[in-house]
Amino acid sequence: MIKIIFNKEKNRTVAMDGDIEIGECDFIEFEKYWNIVHTEVNSLYQGQGIARKLVESVIENAKNYGKRLESDCSYAKKIIENN
């Protein structure tokens, strides 16, 4: 079972399959906003919606922390614009 884990201290959300990290979404924290800079999923796990779940985790947590979002990551940018 795939678990999505948000880690604010490391500015990232990861997807785990057991003990194996299979995806990540990294962001840079600024005073008033977070900038998603990278989203990637292991090729063996692509096509399962994991990247979307990673980005959605960052979006949800940004709201919880009162931060707006920007993205240099083209994939995350599409998700943010559709939210």
PDB file of N, CA and C in Angstrom:
ATOM      1  N   MET A   1       0.839  -1.192   0.000  1.00  0.00           N
ATOM      2  CA  MET A   1       0.000   0.000   0.000  1.00  0.00           C
ATOM      3  C   MET A   1       0.877   1.246   0.000  1.00  0.00           C
ATOM      4  N   ILE A   2       0.537   2.191  -0.861  1.00  0.00           N
ATOM      5  CA  ILE A   2       1.302   3.429  -0.996  1.00  0.00           C
ATOM      6  C   ILE A   2       0.840   4.430   0.064  1.00  0.00           C
ATOM      7  N   LYS A   3       1.798   5.005   0.796  1.00  0.00           N
ATOM      8  CA  LYS A   3       1.501   6.029   1.804  1.00  0.00           C
ATOM      9  C   LYS A   3       2.120   7.347   1.340  1.00  0.00           C
ATOM     10  N   ILE A   4       1.364   8.430   1.507  1.00  0.00           N
ATOM     11  CA  ILE A   4       1.843   9.775   1.209  1.00  0.00           C
ATOM     12  C   ILE A   4       2.157  10.436   2.540  1.00  0.00           C
ATOM     13  N   ILE A   5       3.393  10.902   2.699  1.00  0.00           N
ATOM     14  CA  ILE A   5       3.848  11.455   3.977  1.00  0.00           C
ATOM     15  C   ILE A   5       4.400  12.866   3.760  1.00  0.00           C
ATOM     16  N   PHE A   6       3.800  13.846   4.442  1.00  0.00           N
ATOM     17  CA  PHE A   6       4.266  15.233   4.386  1.00  0.00           C
ATOM     18  C   PHE A   6       5.317  15.456   5.456  1.00  0.00           C
ATOM     19  N   ASN A   7       6.432  16.087   5.086  1.00  0.00           N
ATOM     20  CA  ASN A   7       7.508  16.366   6.040  1.00  0.00           C
ATOM     21  C   ASN A   7       7.900  17.836   5.895  1.00  0.00           C
ATOM     22  N   LYS A   8       7.309  18.687   6.725  1.00  0.00           N
ATOM     23  CA  LYS A   8       7.572  20.132   6.631  1.00  0.00           C
ATOM     24  C   LYS A   8       9.023  20.471   6.925  1.00  0.00           C
ATOM     25  N   GLU A   9       9.645  19.755   7.851  1.00  0.00           N
ATOM     26  CA  GLU A   9      11.035  20.045   8.205  1.00  0.00           C
ATOM     27  C   GLU A   9      11.978  19.865   7.003  1.00  0.00           C
ATOM     28  N   LYS A  10      11.617  18.956   6.103  1.00  0.00           N
ATOM     29  CA  LYS A  10      12.452  18.709   4.920  1.00  0.00           C
ATOM     30  C   LYS A  10      11.866  19.333   3.660  1.00  0.00           C
ATOM     31  N   ASN A  11      10.772  20.095   3.820  1.00  0.00           N
ATOM     32  CA  ASN A  11      10.117  20.767   2.692  1.00  0.00           C
ATOM     33  C   ASN A  11       9.795  19.801   1.563  1.00  0.00           C
ATOM     34  N   ARG A  12       9.108  18.700   1.907  1.00  0.00           N
ATOM     35  CA  ARG A  12       8.780  17.724   0.879  1.00  0.00           C
ATOM     36  C   ARG A  12       7.659  16.803   1.338  1.00  0.00           C
ATOM     37  N   THR A  13       7.061  16.201   0.356  1.00  0.00           N
ATOM     38  CA  THR A  13       6.113  15.114   0.571  1.00  0.00           C
ATOM     39  C   THR A  13       6.682  13.916  -0.169  1.00  0.00           C
ATOM     40  N   VAL A  14       6.614  12.754   0.442  1.00  0.00           N
ATOM     41  CA  VAL A  14       7.140  11.554  -0.205  1.00  0.00           C
ATOM     42  C   VAL A  14       6.045  10.500  -0.306  1.00  0.00           C
ATOM     43  N   ALA A  15       6.197   9.636  -1.299  1.00  0.00           N
ATOM     44  CA  ALA A  15       5.335   8.462  -1.450  1.00  0.00           C
ATOM     45  C   ALA A  15       6.181   7.256  -1.085  1.00  0.00           C
ATOM     46  N   MET A  16       5.638   6.441  -0.200  1.00  0.00           N
ATOM     47  CA  MET A  16       6.364   5.265   0.266  1.00  0.00           C
ATOM     48  C   MET A  16       5.586   4.000  -0.071  1.00  0.00           C
ATOM     49  N   ASP A  17       6.299   3.001  -0.559  1.00  0.00           N
ATOM     50  CA  ASP A  17       5.752   1.661  -0.736  1.00  0.00           C
ATOM     51  C   ASP A  17       6.497   0.793   0.263  1.00  0.00           C
ATOM     52  N   GLY A  18       5.903   0.622   1.421  1.00  0.00           N
ATOM     53  CA  GLY A  18       6.619  -0.031   2.513  1.00  0.00           C
ATOM     54  C   GLY A  18       7.753   0.864   2.965  1.00  0.00           C
ATOM     55  N   ASP A  19       8.984   0.355   2.906  1.00  0.00           N
ATOM     56  CA  ASP A  19      10.163   1.130   3.298  1.00  0.00           C
ATOM     57  C   ASP A  19      10.851   1.799   2.121  1.00  0.00           C
ATOM     58  N   ILE A  20      10.267   1.695   0.930  1.00  0.00           N
ATOM     59  CA  ILE A  20      10.907   2.213  -0.278  1.00  0.00           C
ATOM     60  C   ILE A  20      10.260   3.528  -0.694  1.00  0.00           C
ATOM     61  N   GLU A  21      11.088   4.576  -0.833  1.00  0.00           N
ATOM     62  CA  GLU A  21      10.593   5.860  -1.328  1.00  0.00           C
ATOM     63  C   GLU A  21      10.427   5.745  -2.840  1.00  0.00           C
ATOM     64  N   ILE A  22       9.208   5.973  -3.312  1.00  0.00           N
ATOM     65  CA  ILE A  22       8.931   5.813  -4.735  1.00  0.00           C
ATOM     66  C   ILE A  22       8.574   7.125  -5.425  1.00  0.00           C
ATOM     67  N   GLY A  23       8.425   8.200  -4.658  1.00  0.00           N
ATOM     68  CA  GLY A  23       8.103   9.488  -5.249  1.00  0.00           C
ATOM     69  C   GLY A  23       8.356  10.612  -4.279  1.00  0.00           C
ATOM     70  N   GLU A  24       8.453  11.823  -4.847  1.00  0.00           N
ATOM     71  CA  GLU A  24       8.703  12.995  -4.010  1.00  0.00           C
ATOM     72  C   GLU A  24       8.148  14.244  -4.665  1.00  0.00           C
ATOM     73  N   CYS A  25       7.799  15.192  -3.837  1.00  0.00           N
ATOM     74  CA  CYS A  25       7.412  16.527  -4.268  1.00  0.00           C
ATOM     75  C   CYS A  25       8.114  17.494  -3.317  1.00  0.00           C
ATOM     76  N   ASP A  26       9.046  18.267  -3.865  1.00  0.00           N
ATOM     77  CA  ASP A  26       9.880  19.158  -3.044  1.00  0.00           C
ATOM     78  C   ASP A  26       9.467  20.614  -3.253  1.00  0.00           C
ATOM     79  N   PHE A  27       9.525  21.384  -2.183  1.00  0.00           N
ATOM     80  CA  PHE A  27       9.202  22.807  -2.284  1.00  0.00           C
ATOM     81  C   PHE A  27      10.199  23.634  -1.480  1.00  0.00           C
ATOM     82  N   ILE A  28      10.289  24.902  -1.856  1.00  0.00           N
ATOM     83  CA  ILE A  28      11.108  25.870  -1.130  1.00  0.00           C
ATOM     84  C   ILE A  28      10.147  26.765  -0.352  1.00  0.00           C
ATOM     85  N   GLU A  29      10.434  26.969   0.913  1.00  0.00           N
ATOM     86  CA  GLU A  29       9.566  27.779   1.760  1.00  0.00           C
ATOM     87  C   GLU A  29      10.086  29.209   1.820  1.00  0.00           C
ATOM     88  N   PHE A  30       9.207  30.134   1.490  1.00  0.00           N
ATOM     89  CA  PHE A  30       9.485  31.558   1.638  1.00  0.00           C
ATOM     90  C   PHE A  30       8.550  32.099   2.720  1.00  0.00           C
ATOM     91  N   GLU A  31       8.703  33.345   3.069  1.00  0.00           N
ATOM     92  CA  GLU A  31       7.918  33.896   4.178  1.00  0.00           C
ATOM     93  C   GLU A  31       6.415  33.741   3.968  1.00  0.00           C
ATOM     94  N   LYS A  32       5.924  34.086   2.769  1.00  0.00           N
ATOM     95  CA  LYS A  32       4.479  34.079   2.548  1.00  0.00           C
ATOM     96  C   LYS A  32       3.995  32.998   1.592  1.00  0.00           C
ATOM     97  N   TYR A  33       4.900  32.266   0.989  1.00  0.00           N
ATOM     98  CA  TYR A  33       4.465  31.245   0.037  1.00  0.00           C
ATOM     99  C   TYR A  33       5.462  30.101  -0.050  1.00  0.00           C
ATOM    100  N   TRP A  34       5.001  29.006  -0.634  1.00  0.00           N
ATOM    101  CA  TRP A  34       5.849  27.863  -0.942  1.00  0.00           C
ATOM    102  C   TRP A  34       5.925  27.736  -2.452  1.00  0.00           C
ATOM    103  N   ASN A  35       7.094  27.368  -2.942  1.00  0.00           N
ATOM    104  CA  ASN A  35       7.303  27.178  -4.377  1.00  0.00           C
ATOM    105  C   ASN A  35       7.656  25.704  -4.616  1.00  0.00           C
ATOM    106  N   ILE A  36       6.774  24.980  -5.289  1.00  0.00           N
ATOM    107  CA  ILE A  36       7.066  23.586  -5.622  1.00  0.00           C
ATOM    108  C   ILE A  36       8.075  23.585  -6.771  1.00  0.00           C
ATOM    109  N   VAL A  37       9.199  22.928  -6.535  1.00  0.00           N
ATOM    110  CA  VAL A  37      10.283  22.956  -7.518  1.00  0.00           C
ATOM    111  C   VAL A  37      10.533  21.614  -8.204  1.00  0.00           C
ATOM    112  N   HIS A  38       9.968  20.535  -7.658  1.00  0.00           N
ATOM    113  CA  HIS A  38      10.281  19.223  -8.236  1.00  0.00           C
ATOM    114  C   HIS A  38       9.238  18.197  -7.802  1.00  0.00           C
ATOM    115  N   THR A  39       8.752  17.443  -8.787  1.00  0.00           N
ATOM    116  CA  THR A  39       7.867  16.312  -8.512  1.00  0.00           C
ATOM    117  C   THR A  39       8.335  15.154  -9.375  1.00  0.00           C
ATOM    118  N   GLU A  40       8.500  13.991  -8.750  1.00  0.00           N
ATOM    119  CA  GLU A  40       8.991  12.833  -9.498  1.00  0.00           C
ATOM    120  C   GLU A  40       8.457  11.551  -8.865  1.00  0.00           C
ATOM    121  N   VAL A  41       8.148  10.582  -9.723  1.00  0.00           N
ATOM    122  CA  VAL A  41       7.706   9.263  -9.275  1.00  0.00           C
ATOM    123  C   VAL A  41       8.543   8.224 -10.018  1.00  0.00           C
ATOM    124  N   ASN A  42       8.985   7.208  -9.292  1.00  0.00           N
ATOM    125  CA  ASN A  42       9.731   6.096  -9.883  1.00  0.00           C
ATOM    126  C   ASN A  42       8.965   5.561 -11.083  1.00  0.00           C
ATOM    127  N   SER A  43       9.674   5.274 -12.171  1.00  0.00           N
ATOM    128  CA  SER A  43       9.034   4.854 -13.418  1.00  0.00           C
ATOM    129  C   SER A  43       8.179   3.595 -13.255  1.00  0.00           C
ATOM    130  N   LEU A  44       8.502   2.742 -12.306  1.00  0.00           N
ATOM    131  CA  LEU A  44       7.726   1.523 -12.090  1.00  0.00           C
ATOM    132  C   LEU A  44       6.344   1.813 -11.487  1.00  0.00           C
ATOM    133  N   TYR A  45       6.160   3.012 -10.961  1.00  0.00           N
ATOM    134  CA  TYR A  45       4.910   3.369 -10.282  1.00  0.00           C
ATOM    135  C   TYR A  45       4.123   4.456 -11.022  1.00  0.00           C
ATOM    136  N   GLN A  46       4.600   4.892 -12.170  1.00  0.00           N
ATOM    137  CA  GLN A  46       3.921   5.958 -12.899  1.00  0.00           C
ATOM    138  C   GLN A  46       2.579   5.484 -13.432  1.00  0.00           C
ATOM    139  N   GLY A  47       1.684   6.428 -13.646  1.00  0.00           N
ATOM    140  CA  GLY A  47       0.363   6.125 -14.169  1.00  0.00           C
ATOM    141  C   GLY A  47      -0.647   5.708 -13.120  1.00  0.00           C
ATOM    142  N   GLN A  48      -0.299   5.854 -11.844  1.00  0.00           N
ATOM    143  CA  GLN A  48      -1.197   5.457 -10.758  1.00  0.00           C
ATOM    144  C   GLN A  48      -1.745   6.654  -9.970  1.00  0.00           C
ATOM    145  N   GLY A  49      -1.460   7.862 -10.440  1.00  0.00           N
ATOM    146  CA  GLY A  49      -1.947   9.056  -9.759  1.00  0.00           C
ATOM    147  C   GLY A  49      -1.129   9.465  -8.549  1.00  0.00           C
ATOM    148  N   ILE A  50       0.049   8.888  -8.401  1.00  0.00           N
ATOM    149  CA  ILE A  50       0.881   9.186  -7.223  1.00  0.00           C
ATOM    150  C   ILE A  50       1.397  10.614  -7.257  1.00  0.00           C
ATOM    151  N   ALA A  51       1.847  11.091  -8.413  1.00  0.00           N
ATOM    152  CA  ALA A  51       2.360  12.463  -8.511  1.00  0.00           C
ATOM    153  C   ALA A  51       1.277  13.458  -8.118  1.00  0.00           C
ATOM    154  N   ARG A  52       0.058  13.233  -8.579  1.00  0.00           N
ATOM    155  CA  ARG A  52      -1.058  14.118  -8.221  1.00  0.00           C
ATOM    156  C   ARG A  52      -1.266  14.114  -6.707  1.00  0.00           C
ATOM    157  N   LYS A  53      -1.227  12.945  -6.084  1.00  0.00           N
ATOM    158  CA  LYS A  53      -1.411  12.857  -4.630  1.00  0.00           C
ATOM    159  C   LYS A  53      -0.303  13.589  -3.887  1.00  0.00           C
ATOM    160  N   LEU A  54       0.915  13.521  -4.397  1.00  0.00           N
ATOM    161  CA  LEU A  54       2.034  14.231  -3.780  1.00  0.00           C
ATOM    162  C   LEU A  54       1.797  15.739  -3.819  1.00  0.00           C
ATOM    163  N   VAL A  55       1.431  16.244  -4.988  1.00  0.00           N
ATOM    164  CA  VAL A  55       1.185  17.688  -5.142  1.00  0.00           C
ATOM    165  C   VAL A  55      -0.012  18.105  -4.289  1.00  0.00           C
ATOM    166  N   GLU A  56      -1.077  17.306  -4.300  1.00  0.00           N
ATOM    167  CA  GLU A  56      -2.250  17.640  -3.493  1.00  0.00           C
ATOM    168  C   GLU A  56      -1.927  17.678  -2.002  1.00  0.00           C
ATOM    169  N   SER A  57      -0.995  16.863  -1.562  1.00  0.00           N
ATOM    170  CA  SER A  57      -0.572  16.894  -0.159  1.00  0.00           C
ATOM    171  C   SER A  57       0.091  18.229   0.164  1.00  0.00           C
ATOM    172  N   VAL A  58       0.943  18.713  -0.736  1.00  0.00           N
ATOM    173  CA  VAL A  58       1.594  20.010  -0.509  1.00  0.00           C
ATOM    174  C   VAL A  58       0.542  21.121  -0.530  1.00  0.00           C
ATOM    175  N   ILE A  59      -0.405  21.049  -1.467  1.00  0.00           N
ATOM    176  CA  ILE A  59      -1.468  22.060  -1.544  1.00  0.00           C
ATOM    177  C   ILE A  59      -2.255  22.105  -0.227  1.00  0.00           C
ATOM    178  N   GLU A  60      -2.672  20.951   0.246  1.00  0.00           N
ATOM    179  CA  GLU A  60      -3.447  20.867   1.487  1.00  0.00           C
ATOM    180  C   GLU A  60      -2.665  21.426   2.673  1.00  0.00           C
ATOM    181  N   ASN A  61      -1.395  21.073   2.756  1.00  0.00           N
ATOM    182  CA  ASN A  61      -0.588  21.553   3.879  1.00  0.00           C
ATOM    183  C   ASN A  61      -0.275  23.036   3.765  1.00  0.00           C
ATOM    184  N   ALA A  62      -0.118  23.549   2.566  1.00  0.00           N
ATOM    185  CA  ALA A  62       0.089  24.989   2.386  1.00  0.00           C
ATOM    186  C   ALA A  62      -1.123  25.744   2.933  1.00  0.00           C
ATOM    187  N   LYS A  63      -2.317  25.245   2.641  1.00  0.00           N
ATOM    188  CA  LYS A  63      -3.530  25.870   3.178  1.00  0.00           C
ATOM    189  C   LYS A  63      -3.530  25.827   4.702  1.00  0.00           C
ATOM    190  N   ASN A  64      -3.162  24.681   5.258  1.00  0.00           N
ATOM    191  CA  ASN A  64      -3.128  24.536   6.714  1.00  0.00           C
ATOM    192  C   ASN A  64      -2.145  25.496   7.373  1.00  0.00           C
ATOM    193  N   TYR A  65      -1.057  25.811   6.682  1.00  0.00           N
ATOM    194  CA  TYR A  65      -0.038  26.716   7.225  1.00  0.00           C
ATOM    195  C   TYR A  65      -0.251  28.164   6.785  1.00  0.00           C
ATOM    196  N   GLY A  66      -1.326  28.429   6.039  1.00  0.00           N
ATOM    197  CA  GLY A  66      -1.632  29.788   5.607  1.00  0.00           C
ATOM    198  C   GLY A  66      -0.671  30.317   4.557  1.00  0.00           C
ATOM    199  N   LYS A  67      -0.150  29.438   3.722  1.00  0.00           N
ATOM    200  CA  LYS A  67       0.794  29.830   2.674  1.00  0.00           C
ATOM    201  C   LYS A  67       0.112  29.735   1.316  1.00  0.00           C
ATOM    202  N   ARG A  68       0.444  30.639   0.431  1.00  0.00           N
ATOM    203  CA  ARG A  68      -0.020  30.483  -0.945  1.00  0.00           C
ATOM    204  C   ARG A  68       1.036  29.679  -1.692  1.00  0.00           C
ATOM    205  N   LEU A  69       0.667  29.197  -2.865  1.00  0.00           N
ATOM    206  CA  LEU A  69       1.569  28.321  -3.609  1.00  0.00           C
ATOM    207  C   LEU A  69       1.945  28.899  -4.954  1.00  0.00           C
ATOM    208  N   GLU A  70       3.178  28.655  -5.335  1.00  0.00           N
ATOM    209  CA  GLU A  70       3.678  28.899  -6.679  1.00  0.00           C
ATOM    210  C   GLU A  70       4.384  27.632  -7.093  1.00  0.00           C
ATOM    211  N   SER A  71       4.720  27.531  -8.379  1.00  0.00           N
ATOM    212  CA  SER A  71       5.408  26.328  -8.809  1.00  0.00           C
ATOM    213  C   SER A  71       6.314  26.576 -10.001  1.00  0.00           C
ATOM    214  N   ASP A  72       7.564  26.158  -9.858  1.00  0.00           N
ATOM    215  CA  ASP A  72       8.486  26.110 -10.983  1.00  0.00           C
ATOM    216  C   ASP A  72       8.393  24.751 -11.666  1.00  0.00           C
ATOM    217  N   CYS A  73       7.764  23.793 -11.001  1.00  0.00           N
ATOM    218  CA  CYS A  73       7.552  22.447 -11.545  1.00  0.00           C
ATOM    219  C   CYS A  73       6.326  22.507 -12.467  1.00  0.00           C
ATOM    220  N   SER A  74       6.495  22.171 -13.741  1.00  0.00           N
ATOM    221  CA  SER A  74       5.400  22.302 -14.703  1.00  0.00           C
ATOM    222  C   SER A  74       4.220  21.393 -14.364  1.00  0.00           C
ATOM    223  N   TYR A  75       4.482  20.199 -13.875  1.00  0.00           N
ATOM    224  CA  TYR A  75       3.393  19.291 -13.514  1.00  0.00           C
ATOM    225  C   TYR A  75       2.586  19.865 -12.357  1.00  0.00           C
ATOM    226  N   ALA A  76       3.263  20.281 -11.302  1.00  0.00           N
ATOM    227  CA  ALA A  76       2.574  20.842 -10.133  1.00  0.00           C
ATOM    228  C   ALA A  76       1.817  22.100 -10.504  1.00  0.00           C
ATOM    229  N   LYS A  77       2.379  22.900 -11.398  1.00  0.00           N
ATOM    230  CA  LYS A  77       1.722  24.137 -11.820  1.00  0.00           C
ATOM    231  C   LYS A  77       0.339  23.836 -12.425  1.00  0.00           C
ATOM    232  N   LYS A  78       0.249  22.783 -13.239  1.00  0.00           N
ATOM    233  CA  LYS A  78      -1.049  22.404 -13.827  1.00  0.00           C
ATOM    234  C   LYS A  78      -2.051  22.007 -12.743  1.00  0.00           C
ATOM    235  N   ILE A  79      -1.596  21.261 -11.747  1.00  0.00           N
ATOM    236  CA  ILE A  79      -2.479  20.820 -10.665  1.00  0.00           C
ATOM    237  C   ILE A  79      -2.960  22.025  -9.858  1.00  0.00           C
ATOM    238  N   ILE A  80      -2.055  22.930  -9.534  1.00  0.00           N
ATOM    239  CA  ILE A  80      -2.401  24.118  -8.759  1.00  0.00           C
ATOM    240  C   ILE A  80      -3.429  24.970  -9.516  1.00  0.00           C
ATOM    241  N   GLU A  81      -3.220  25.157 -10.822  1.00  0.00           N
ATOM    242  CA  GLU A  81      -4.131  25.989 -11.603  1.00  0.00           C
ATOM    243  C   GLU A  81      -5.523  25.371 -11.682  1.00  0.00           C
ATOM    244  N   ASN A  82      -5.621  24.053 -11.613  1.00  0.00           N
ATOM    245  CA  ASN A  82      -6.919  23.388 -11.687  1.00  0.00           C
ATOM    246  C   ASN A  82      -7.598  23.240 -10.332  1.00  0.00           C
ATOM    247  N   ASN A  83      -6.899  23.625  -9.251  1.00  0.00           N
ATOM    248  CA  ASN A  83      -7.477  23.519  -7.903  1.00  0.00           C
ATOM    249  C   ASN A  83      -8.186  24.772  -7.508  1.00  0.00           C
TER     250      ASN A  83
END
